[in-house]
Amino acid sequence: MTEPPAAAAEGAMSAAYRSLTIGLLAIITLTAFEAMAV
């Protein structure tokens, strides 16, 4: 899927991606807790 030029110029914590980035960080955080604690 090709990103439009405007979207491609934005960073991972821009308004377009902020909630998704935070959600992915939450997913990996839980995976980390699971792996390290177990």
Full PDB file with SEQRES, HELIX, SHEET, SSBOND, CRYST1, ORIGX, SCALE, CONECT and MASTER records, all heavy atoms in Angstrom:
SEQRES   1 A   38  MET THR GLU PRO PRO ALA ALA ALA ALA GLU GLY ALA MET          
SEQRES   2 A   38  SER ALA ALA TYR ARG SER LEU THR ILE GLY LEU LEU ALA          
SEQRES   3 A   38  ILE ILE THR LEU THR ALA PHE GLU ALA MET ALA VAL              
HELIX    1 AA1 PRO A    5  ALA A    8  1                                   4    
HELIX    2 AA2 ARG A   18  ALA A   37  1                                  20    
CRYST1    1.000    1.000    1.000  90.00  90.00  90.00 P 1           1          
ORIGX1      1.000000  0.000000  0.000000        0.00000                         
ORIGX2      0.000000  1.000000  0.000000        0.00000                         
ORIGX3      0.000000  0.000000  1.000000        0.00000                         
SCALE1      1.000000  0.000000  0.000000        0.00000                         
SCALE2      0.000000  1.000000  0.000000        0.00000                         
SCALE3      0.000000  0.000000  1.000000        0.00000                         
ATOM      1  N   MET A   1       0.844  -1.182   0.000  1.00  0.00           N  
ATOM      2  CA  MET A   1       0.000   0.000   0.000  1.00  0.00           C  
ATOM      3  C   MET A   1       0.884   1.238   0.000  1.00  0.00           C  
ATOM      4  O   MET A   1       1.733   1.412   0.868  1.00  0.00           O  
ATOM      5  CB  MET A   1      -0.905   0.004   1.234  1.00  0.00           C  
ATOM      6  CG  MET A   1      -1.892   1.154   1.268  1.00  0.00           C  
ATOM      7  SD  MET A   1      -3.135   0.896   2.552  1.00  0.00           S  
ATOM      8  CE  MET A   1      -2.148   0.805   4.028  1.00  0.00           C  
ATOM      9  N   THR A   2       0.713   2.155  -0.943  1.00  0.00           N  
ATOM     10  CA  THR A   2       1.551   3.339  -1.086  1.00  0.00           C  
ATOM     11  C   THR A   2       1.017   4.460  -0.215  1.00  0.00           C  
ATOM     12  O   THR A   2      -0.175   4.757  -0.228  1.00  0.00           O  
ATOM     13  CB  THR A   2       1.602   3.796  -2.556  1.00  0.00           C  
ATOM     14  OG1 THR A   2       2.083   2.720  -3.350  1.00  0.00           O  
ATOM     15  CG2 THR A   2       2.515   4.984  -2.711  1.00  0.00           C  
ATOM     16  N   GLU A   3       1.924   5.093   0.535  1.00  0.00           N  
ATOM     17  CA  GLU A   3       1.532   6.198   1.380  1.00  0.00           C  
ATOM     18  C   GLU A   3       1.512   7.495   0.577  1.00  0.00           C  
ATOM     19  O   GLU A   3       2.388   7.743  -0.263  1.00  0.00           O  
ATOM     20  CB  GLU A   3       2.536   6.338   2.544  1.00  0.00           C  
ATOM     21  CG  GLU A   3       2.555   5.155   3.482  1.00  0.00           C  
ATOM     22  CD  GLU A   3       1.273   5.009   4.269  1.00  0.00           C  
ATOM     23  OE1 GLU A   3       0.597   6.028   4.479  1.00  0.00           O  
ATOM     24  OE2 GLU A   3       0.939   3.888   4.658  1.00  0.00           O  
ATOM     25  N   PRO A   4       0.545   8.363   0.801  1.00  0.00           N  
ATOM     26  CA  PRO A   4       0.563   9.670   0.168  1.00  0.00           C  
ATOM     27  C   PRO A   4       1.741  10.479   0.671  1.00  0.00           C  
ATOM     28  O   PRO A   4       2.210  10.278   1.780  1.00  0.00           O  
ATOM     29  CB  PRO A   4      -0.773  10.294   0.602  1.00  0.00           C  
ATOM     30  CG  PRO A   4      -1.150   9.549   1.829  1.00  0.00           C  
ATOM     31  CD  PRO A   4      -0.622   8.182   1.661  1.00  0.00           C  
ATOM     32  N   PRO A   5       2.259  11.423  -0.131  1.00  0.00           N  
ATOM     33  CA  PRO A   5       3.443  12.170   0.259  1.00  0.00           C  
ATOM     34  C   PRO A   5       3.308  12.864   1.597  1.00  0.00           C  
ATOM     35  O   PRO A   5       4.232  12.895   2.397  1.00  0.00           O  
ATOM     36  CB  PRO A   5       3.610  13.183  -0.885  1.00  0.00           C  
ATOM     37  CG  PRO A   5       2.938  12.536  -2.065  1.00  0.00           C  
ATOM     38  CD  PRO A   5       1.809  11.758  -1.508  1.00  0.00           C  
ATOM     39  N   ALA A   6       2.139  13.441   1.878  1.00  0.00           N  
ATOM     40  CA  ALA A   6       1.957  14.144   3.143  1.00  0.00           C  
ATOM     41  C   ALA A   6       2.097  13.202   4.314  1.00  0.00           C  
ATOM     42  O   ALA A   6       2.728  13.500   5.327  1.00  0.00           O  
ATOM     43  CB  ALA A   6       0.588  14.826   3.169  1.00  0.00           C  
ATOM     44  N   ALA A   7       1.489  11.999   4.190  1.00  0.00           N  
ATOM     45  CA  ALA A   7       1.571  11.034   5.288  1.00  0.00           C  
ATOM     46  C   ALA A   7       2.984  10.543   5.458  1.00  0.00           C  
ATOM     47  O   ALA A   7       3.462  10.331   6.566  1.00  0.00           O  
ATOM     48  CB  ALA A   7       0.616   9.867   5.022  1.00  0.00           C  
ATOM     49  N   ALA A   8       3.694  10.359   4.324  1.00  0.00           N  
ATOM     50  CA  ALA A   8       5.039   9.812   4.398  1.00  0.00           C  
ATOM     51  C   ALA A   8       5.982  10.744   5.128  1.00  0.00           C  
ATOM     52  O   ALA A   8       6.983  10.317   5.692  1.00  0.00           O  
ATOM     53  CB  ALA A   8       5.563   9.522   2.997  1.00  0.00           C  
ATOM     54  N   ALA A   9       5.681  12.075   5.117  1.00  0.00           N  
ATOM     55  CA  ALA A   9       6.564  13.043   5.750  1.00  0.00           C  
ATOM     56  C   ALA A   9       6.360  13.112   7.257  1.00  0.00           C  
ATOM     57  O   ALA A   9       7.148  13.724   7.957  1.00  0.00           O  
ATOM     58  CB  ALA A   9       6.338  14.417   5.127  1.00  0.00           C  
ATOM     59  N   GLU A  10       5.302  12.538   7.779  1.00  0.00           N  
ATOM     60  CA  GLU A  10       4.983  12.639   9.192  1.00  0.00           C  
ATOM     61  C   GLU A  10       5.737  11.597  10.000  1.00  0.00           C  
ATOM     62  O   GLU A  10       6.058  10.520   9.517  1.00  0.00           O  
ATOM     63  CB  GLU A  10       3.474  12.495   9.396  1.00  0.00           C  
ATOM     64  CG  GLU A  10       2.688  13.642   8.758  1.00  0.00           C  
ATOM     65  CD  GLU A  10       1.185  13.467   8.929  1.00  0.00           C  
ATOM     66  OE1 GLU A  10       0.759  12.356   9.282  1.00  0.00           O  
ATOM     67  OE2 GLU A  10       0.457  14.442   8.707  1.00  0.00           O  
ATOM     68  N   GLY A  11       5.986  11.927  11.270  1.00  0.00           N  
ATOM     69  CA  GLY A  11       6.711  11.029  12.143  1.00  0.00           C  
ATOM     70  C   GLY A  11       5.793  10.042  12.839  1.00  0.00           C  
ATOM     71  O   GLY A  11       4.556  10.114  12.749  1.00  0.00           O  
ATOM     72  N   ALA A  12       6.413   9.129  13.591  1.00  0.00           N  
ATOM     73  CA  ALA A  12       5.658   8.068  14.242  1.00  0.00           C  
ATOM     74  C   ALA A  12       4.738   8.590  15.324  1.00  0.00           C  
ATOM     75  O   ALA A  12       3.745   7.941  15.664  1.00  0.00           O  
ATOM     76  CB  ALA A  12       6.622   7.036  14.826  1.00  0.00           C  
ATOM     77  N   MET A  13       5.050   9.756  15.887  1.00  0.00           N  
ATOM     78  CA  MET A  13       4.215  10.328  16.939  1.00  0.00           C  
ATOM     79  C   MET A  13       3.440  11.547  16.451  1.00  0.00           C  
ATOM     80  O   MET A  13       2.946  12.338  17.258  1.00  0.00           O  
ATOM     81  CB  MET A  13       5.065  10.700  18.154  1.00  0.00           C  
ATOM     82  CG  MET A  13       5.298   9.542  19.105  1.00  0.00           C  
ATOM     83  SD  MET A  13       3.746   8.951  19.844  1.00  0.00           S  
ATOM     84  CE  MET A  13       4.379   7.629  20.903  1.00  0.00           C  
ATOM     85  N   SER A  14       3.310  11.689  15.132  1.00  0.00           N  
ATOM     86  CA  SER A  14       2.455  12.748  14.603  1.00  0.00           C  
ATOM     87  C   SER A  14       0.998  12.386  14.853  1.00  0.00           C  
ATOM     88  O   SER A  14       0.666  11.266  15.234  1.00  0.00           O  
ATOM     89  CB  SER A  14       2.707  12.917  13.109  1.00  0.00           C  
ATOM     90  OG  SER A  14       2.331  11.737  12.404  1.00  0.00           O  
ATOM     91  N   ALA A  15       0.120  13.348  14.622  1.00  0.00           N  
ATOM     92  CA  ALA A  15      -1.298  13.118  14.886  1.00  0.00           C  
ATOM     93  C   ALA A  15      -1.842  11.940  14.095  1.00  0.00           C  
ATOM     94  O   ALA A  15      -2.723  11.218  14.555  1.00  0.00           O  
ATOM     95  CB  ALA A  15      -2.102  14.385  14.560  1.00  0.00           C  
ATOM     96  N   ALA A  16      -1.300  11.731  12.882  1.00  0.00           N  
ATOM     97  CA  ALA A  16      -1.807  10.658  12.026  1.00  0.00           C  
ATOM     98  C   ALA A  16      -1.504   9.273  12.586  1.00  0.00           C  
ATOM     99  O   ALA A  16      -2.240   8.319  12.325  1.00  0.00           O  
ATOM    100  CB  ALA A  16      -1.220  10.793  10.621  1.00  0.00           C  
ATOM    101  N   TYR A  17      -0.412   9.142  13.345  1.00  0.00           N  
ATOM    102  CA  TYR A  17       0.036   7.816  13.780  1.00  0.00           C  
ATOM    103  C   TYR A  17       0.107   7.656  15.299  1.00  0.00           C  
ATOM    104  O   TYR A  17       0.407   6.567  15.781  1.00  0.00           O  
ATOM    105  CB  TYR A  17       1.433   7.526  13.205  1.00  0.00           C  
ATOM    106  CG  TYR A  17       1.499   7.540  11.706  1.00  0.00           C  
ATOM    107  CD1 TYR A  17       2.241   8.511  11.034  1.00  0.00           C  
ATOM    108  CD2 TYR A  17       0.808   6.597  10.950  1.00  0.00           C  
ATOM    109  CE1 TYR A  17       2.296   8.530   9.651  1.00  0.00           C  
ATOM    110  CE2 TYR A  17       0.866   6.612   9.568  1.00  0.00           C  
ATOM    111  CZ  TYR A  17       1.606   7.578   8.928  1.00  0.00           C  
ATOM    112  OH  TYR A  17       1.652   7.591   7.557  1.00  0.00           O  
ATOM    113  N   ARG A  18      -0.151   8.705  16.058  1.00  0.00           N  
ATOM    114  CA  ARG A  18       0.122   8.669  17.497  1.00  0.00           C  
ATOM    115  C   ARG A  18      -0.614   7.545  18.214  1.00  0.00           C  
ATOM    116  O   ARG A  18      -0.018   6.765  18.966  1.00  0.00           O  
ATOM    117  CB  ARG A  18      -0.240  10.013  18.136  1.00  0.00           C  
ATOM    118  CG  ARG A  18       0.170  10.109  19.612  1.00  0.00           C  
ATOM    119  CD  ARG A  18      -0.192  11.458  20.198  1.00  0.00           C  
ATOM    120  NE  ARG A  18       0.475  12.532  19.470  1.00  0.00           N  
ATOM    121  CZ  ARG A  18      -0.155  13.513  18.812  1.00  0.00           C  
ATOM    122  NH1 ARG A  18      -1.482  13.528  18.788  1.00  0.00           N  
ATOM    123  NH2 ARG A  18       0.525  14.440  18.194  1.00  0.00           N  
ATOM    124  N   SER A  19      -1.931   7.442  18.000  1.00  0.00           N  
ATOM    125  CA  SER A  19      -2.695   6.427  18.736  1.00  0.00           C  
ATOM    126  C   SER A  19      -2.275   5.023  18.339  1.00  0.00           C  
ATOM    127  O   SER A  19      -2.197   4.115  19.182  1.00  0.00           O  
ATOM    128  CB  SER A  19      -4.197   6.614  18.491  1.00  0.00           C  
ATOM    129  OG  SER A  19      -4.498   6.499  17.110  1.00  0.00           O  
ATOM    130  N   LEU A  20      -1.969   4.813  17.057  1.00  0.00           N  
ATOM    131  CA  LEU A  20      -1.520   3.495  16.608  1.00  0.00           C  
ATOM    132  C   LEU A  20      -0.166   3.154  17.232  1.00  0.00           C  
ATOM    133  O   LEU A  20       0.053   2.024  17.691  1.00  0.00           O  
ATOM    134  CB  LEU A  20      -1.428   3.470  15.084  1.00  0.00           C  
ATOM    135  CG  LEU A  20      -0.878   2.183  14.461  1.00  0.00           C  
ATOM    136  CD1 LEU A  20      -1.721   0.983  14.856  1.00  0.00           C  
ATOM    137  CD2 LEU A  20      -0.802   2.319  12.943  1.00  0.00           C  
ATOM    138  N   THR A  21       0.749   4.114  17.232  1.00  0.00           N  
ATOM    139  CA  THR A  21       2.066   3.875  17.815  1.00  0.00           C  
ATOM    140  C   THR A  21       1.958   3.531  19.296  1.00  0.00           C  
ATOM    141  O   THR A  21       2.609   2.589  19.779  1.00  0.00           O  
ATOM    142  CB  THR A  21       2.965   5.119  17.626  1.00  0.00           C  
ATOM    143  OG1 THR A  21       3.113   5.386  16.230  1.00  0.00           O  
ATOM    144  CG2 THR A  21       4.332   4.898  18.240  1.00  0.00           C  
ATOM    145  N   ILE A  22       1.146   4.273  20.016  1.00  0.00           N  
ATOM    146  CA  ILE A  22       0.961   3.989  21.448  1.00  0.00           C  
ATOM    147  C   ILE A  22       0.369   2.600  21.644  1.00  0.00           C  
ATOM    148  O   ILE A  22       0.770   1.851  22.543  1.00  0.00           O  
ATOM    149  CB  ILE A  22       0.062   5.066  22.090  1.00  0.00           C  
ATOM    150  CG1 ILE A  22       0.802   6.415  22.113  1.00  0.00           C  
ATOM    151  CG2 ILE A  22      -0.332   4.665  23.506  1.00  0.00           C  
ATOM    152  CD1 ILE A  22      -0.059   7.572  22.568  1.00  0.00           C  
ATOM    153  N   GLY A  23      -0.590   2.233  20.790  1.00  0.00           N  
ATOM    154  CA  GLY A  23      -1.186   0.903  20.904  1.00  0.00           C  
ATOM    155  C   GLY A  23      -0.188  -0.208  20.658  1.00  0.00           C  
ATOM    156  O   GLY A  23      -0.150  -1.206  21.380  1.00  0.00           O  
ATOM    157  N   LEU A  24       0.651  -0.045  19.626  1.00  0.00           N  
ATOM    158  CA  LEU A  24       1.666  -1.062  19.345  1.00  0.00           C  
ATOM    159  C   LEU A  24       2.677  -1.157  20.488  1.00  0.00           C  
ATOM    160  O   LEU A  24       3.118  -2.254  20.851  1.00  0.00           O  
ATOM    161  CB  LEU A  24       2.380  -0.741  18.037  1.00  0.00           C  
ATOM    162  CG  LEU A  24       1.535  -0.882  16.763  1.00  0.00           C  
ATOM    163  CD1 LEU A  24       2.351  -0.444  15.547  1.00  0.00           C  
ATOM    164  CD2 LEU A  24       1.055  -2.312  16.579  1.00  0.00           C  
ATOM    165  N   LEU A  25       3.045  -0.017  21.054  1.00  0.00           N  
ATOM    166  CA  LEU A  25       3.949  -0.031  22.201  1.00  0.00           C  
ATOM    167  C   LEU A  25       3.328  -0.787  23.375  1.00  0.00           C  
ATOM    168  O   LEU A  25       4.015  -1.514  24.102  1.00  0.00           O  
ATOM    169  CB  LEU A  25       4.305   1.397  22.612  1.00  0.00           C  
ATOM    170  CG  LEU A  25       5.194   2.173  21.634  1.00  0.00           C  
ATOM    171  CD1 LEU A  25       5.360   3.616  22.097  1.00  0.00           C  
ATOM    172  CD2 LEU A  25       6.550   1.515  21.490  1.00  0.00           C  
ATOM    173  N   ALA A  26       2.008  -0.629  23.548  1.00  0.00           N  
ATOM    174  CA  ALA A  26       1.324  -1.355  24.626  1.00  0.00           C  
ATOM    175  C   ALA A  26       1.361  -2.865  24.378  1.00  0.00           C  
ATOM    176  O   ALA A  26       1.574  -3.657  25.306  1.00  0.00           O  
ATOM    177  CB  ALA A  26      -0.121  -0.879  24.750  1.00  0.00           C  
ATOM    178  N   ILE A  27       1.167  -3.275  23.126  1.00  0.00           N  
ATOM    179  CA  ILE A  27       1.208  -4.697  22.787  1.00  0.00           C  
ATOM    180  C   ILE A  27       2.576  -5.292  23.101  1.00  0.00           C  
ATOM    181  O   ILE A  27       2.703  -6.356  23.724  1.00  0.00           O  
ATOM    182  CB  ILE A  27       0.880  -4.903  21.294  1.00  0.00           C  
ATOM    183  CG1 ILE A  27      -0.585  -4.560  21.011  1.00  0.00           C  
ATOM    184  CG2 ILE A  27       1.186  -6.331  20.855  1.00  0.00           C  
ATOM    185  CD1 ILE A  27      -1.571  -5.524  21.579  1.00  0.00           C  
ATOM    186  N   ILE A  28       3.623  -4.618  22.660  1.00  0.00           N  
ATOM    187  CA  ILE A  28       4.970  -5.139  22.902  1.00  0.00           C  
ATOM    188  C   ILE A  28       5.321  -5.092  24.377  1.00  0.00           C  
ATOM    189  O   ILE A  28       6.034  -5.966  24.887  1.00  0.00           O  
ATOM    190  CB  ILE A  28       5.992  -4.358  22.059  1.00  0.00           C  
ATOM    191  CG1 ILE A  28       5.671  -4.511  20.574  1.00  0.00           C  
ATOM    192  CG2 ILE A  28       7.407  -4.839  22.334  1.00  0.00           C  
ATOM    193  CD1 ILE A  28       5.608  -5.952  20.092  1.00  0.00           C  
ATOM    194  N   THR A  29       4.813  -4.090  25.087  1.00  0.00           N  
ATOM    195  CA  THR A  29       5.066  -4.016  26.531  1.00  0.00           C  
ATOM    196  C   THR A  29       4.502  -5.227  27.250  1.00  0.00           C  
ATOM    197  O   THR A  29       5.157  -5.825  28.117  1.00  0.00           O  
ATOM    198  CB  THR A  29       4.471  -2.720  27.106  1.00  0.00           C  
ATOM    199  OG1 THR A  29       5.115  -1.597  26.500  1.00  0.00           O  
ATOM    200  CG2 THR A  29       4.677  -2.654  28.614  1.00  0.00           C  
ATOM    201  N   LEU A  30       3.281  -5.630  26.895  1.00  0.00           N  
ATOM    202  CA  LEU A  30       2.699  -6.796  27.564  1.00  0.00           C  
ATOM    203  C   LEU A  30       3.478  -8.057  27.206  1.00  0.00           C  
ATOM    204  O   LEU A  30       3.673  -8.938  28.057  1.00  0.00           O  
ATOM    205  CB  LEU A  30       1.225  -6.958  27.199  1.00  0.00           C  
ATOM    206  CG  LEU A  30       0.839  -7.575  25.854  1.00  0.00           C  
ATOM    207  CD1 LEU A  30       0.687  -9.097  25.980  1.00  0.00           C  
ATOM    208  CD2 LEU A  30      -0.472  -6.987  25.334  1.00  0.00           C  
ATOM    209  N   THR A  31       3.929  -8.145  25.951  1.00  0.00           N  
ATOM    210  CA  THR A  31       4.739  -9.291  25.556  1.00  0.00           C  
ATOM    211  C   THR A  31       6.039  -9.331  26.360  1.00  0.00           C  
ATOM    212  O   THR A  31       6.500 -10.394  26.777  1.00  0.00           O  
ATOM    213  CB  THR A  31       5.058  -9.222  24.056  1.00  0.00           C  
ATOM    214  OG1 THR A  31       3.830  -9.136  23.314  1.00  0.00           O  
ATOM    215  CG2 THR A  31       5.825 -10.446  23.594  1.00  0.00           C  
ATOM    216  N   ALA A  32       6.618  -8.164  26.584  1.00  0.00           N  
ATOM    217  CA  ALA A  32       7.852  -8.084  27.363  1.00  0.00           C  
ATOM    218  C   ALA A  32       7.621  -8.519  28.807  1.00  0.00           C  
ATOM    219  O   ALA A  32       8.411  -9.278  29.375  1.00  0.00           O  
ATOM    220  CB  ALA A  32       8.397  -6.660  27.314  1.00  0.00           C  
ATOM    221  N   PHE A  33       6.557  -8.024  29.420  1.00  0.00           N  
ATOM    222  CA  PHE A  33       6.239  -8.437  30.784  1.00  0.00           C  
ATOM    223  C   PHE A  33       6.086  -9.964  30.863  1.00  0.00           C  
ATOM    224  O   PHE A  33       6.597 -10.606  31.772  1.00  0.00           O  
ATOM    225  CB  PHE A  33       4.943  -7.773  31.263  1.00  0.00           C  
ATOM    226  CG  PHE A  33       5.163  -6.476  31.976  1.00  0.00           C  
ATOM    227  CD1 PHE A  33       4.725  -5.287  31.430  1.00  0.00           C  
ATOM    228  CD2 PHE A  33       5.798  -6.440  33.210  1.00  0.00           C  
ATOM    229  CE1 PHE A  33       4.922  -4.083  32.081  1.00  0.00           C  
ATOM    230  CE2 PHE A  33       6.002  -5.239  33.870  1.00  0.00           C  
ATOM    231  CZ  PHE A  33       5.559  -4.045  33.308  1.00  0.00           C  
ATOM    232  N   GLU A  34       5.365 -10.503  29.888  1.00  0.00           N  
ATOM    233  CA  GLU A  34       5.124 -11.951  29.892  1.00  0.00           C  
ATOM    234  C   GLU A  34       6.431 -12.728  29.793  1.00  0.00           C  
ATOM    235  O   GLU A  34       6.693 -13.650  30.562  1.00  0.00           O  
ATOM    236  CB  GLU A  34       4.200 -12.291  28.717  1.00  0.00           C  
ATOM    237  CG  GLU A  34       3.481 -13.625  28.845  1.00  0.00           C  
ATOM    238  CD  GLU A  34       4.266 -14.764  28.210  1.00  0.00           C  
ATOM    239  OE1 GLU A  34       5.271 -14.491  27.531  1.00  0.00           O  
ATOM    240  OE2 GLU A  34       3.875 -15.921  28.406  1.00  0.00           O  
ATOM    241  N   ALA A  35       7.278 -12.333  28.848  1.00  0.00           N  
ATOM    242  CA  ALA A  35       8.521 -13.072  28.618  1.00  0.00           C  
ATOM    243  C   ALA A  35       9.482 -12.946  29.789  1.00  0.00           C  
ATOM    244  O   ALA A  35      10.037 -13.944  30.276  1.00  0.00           O  
ATOM    245  CB  ALA A  35       9.181 -12.576  27.333  1.00  0.00           C  
ATOM    246  N   MET A  36       9.694 -11.730  30.265  1.00  0.00           N  
ATOM    247  CA  MET A  36      10.680 -11.510  31.319  1.00  0.00           C  
ATOM    248  C   MET A  36      10.223 -12.098  32.649  1.00  0.00           C  
ATOM    249  O   MET A  36      10.999 -12.721  33.380  1.00  0.00           O  
ATOM    250  CB  MET A  36      10.948 -10.011  31.477  1.00  0.00           C  
ATOM    251  CG  MET A  36      11.425  -9.326  30.212  1.00  0.00           C  
ATOM    252  SD  MET A  36      12.946 -10.009  29.539  1.00  0.00           S  
ATOM    253  CE  MET A  36      14.115  -9.536  30.795  1.00  0.00           C  
ATOM    254  N   ALA A  37       8.945 -11.921  32.972  1.00  0.00           N  
ATOM    255  CA  ALA A  37       8.452 -12.415  34.249  1.00  0.00           C  
ATOM    256  C   ALA A  37       8.435 -13.932  34.303  1.00  0.00           C  
ATOM    257  O   ALA A  37       8.832 -14.544  35.305  1.00  0.00           O  
ATOM    258  CB  ALA A  37       7.042 -11.854  34.508  1.00  0.00           C  
ATOM    259  N   VAL A  38       7.982 -14.564  33.218  1.00  0.00           N  
ATOM    260  CA  VAL A  38       7.907 -16.022  33.204  1.00  0.00           C  
ATOM    261  C   VAL A  38       9.299 -16.639  33.290  1.00  0.00           C  
ATOM    262  O   VAL A  38       9.529 -17.598  34.037  1.00  0.00           O  
ATOM    263  CB  VAL A  38       7.161 -16.508  31.944  1.00  0.00           C  
ATOM    264  CG1 VAL A  38       7.280 -18.022  31.794  1.00  0.00           C  
ATOM    265  CG2 VAL A  38       5.697 -16.110  32.005  1.00  0.00           C  
TER     266      VAL A  38                                                      
MASTER        0    0    0    2    0    0    0    6  265    1    0    3          
END                                                                             
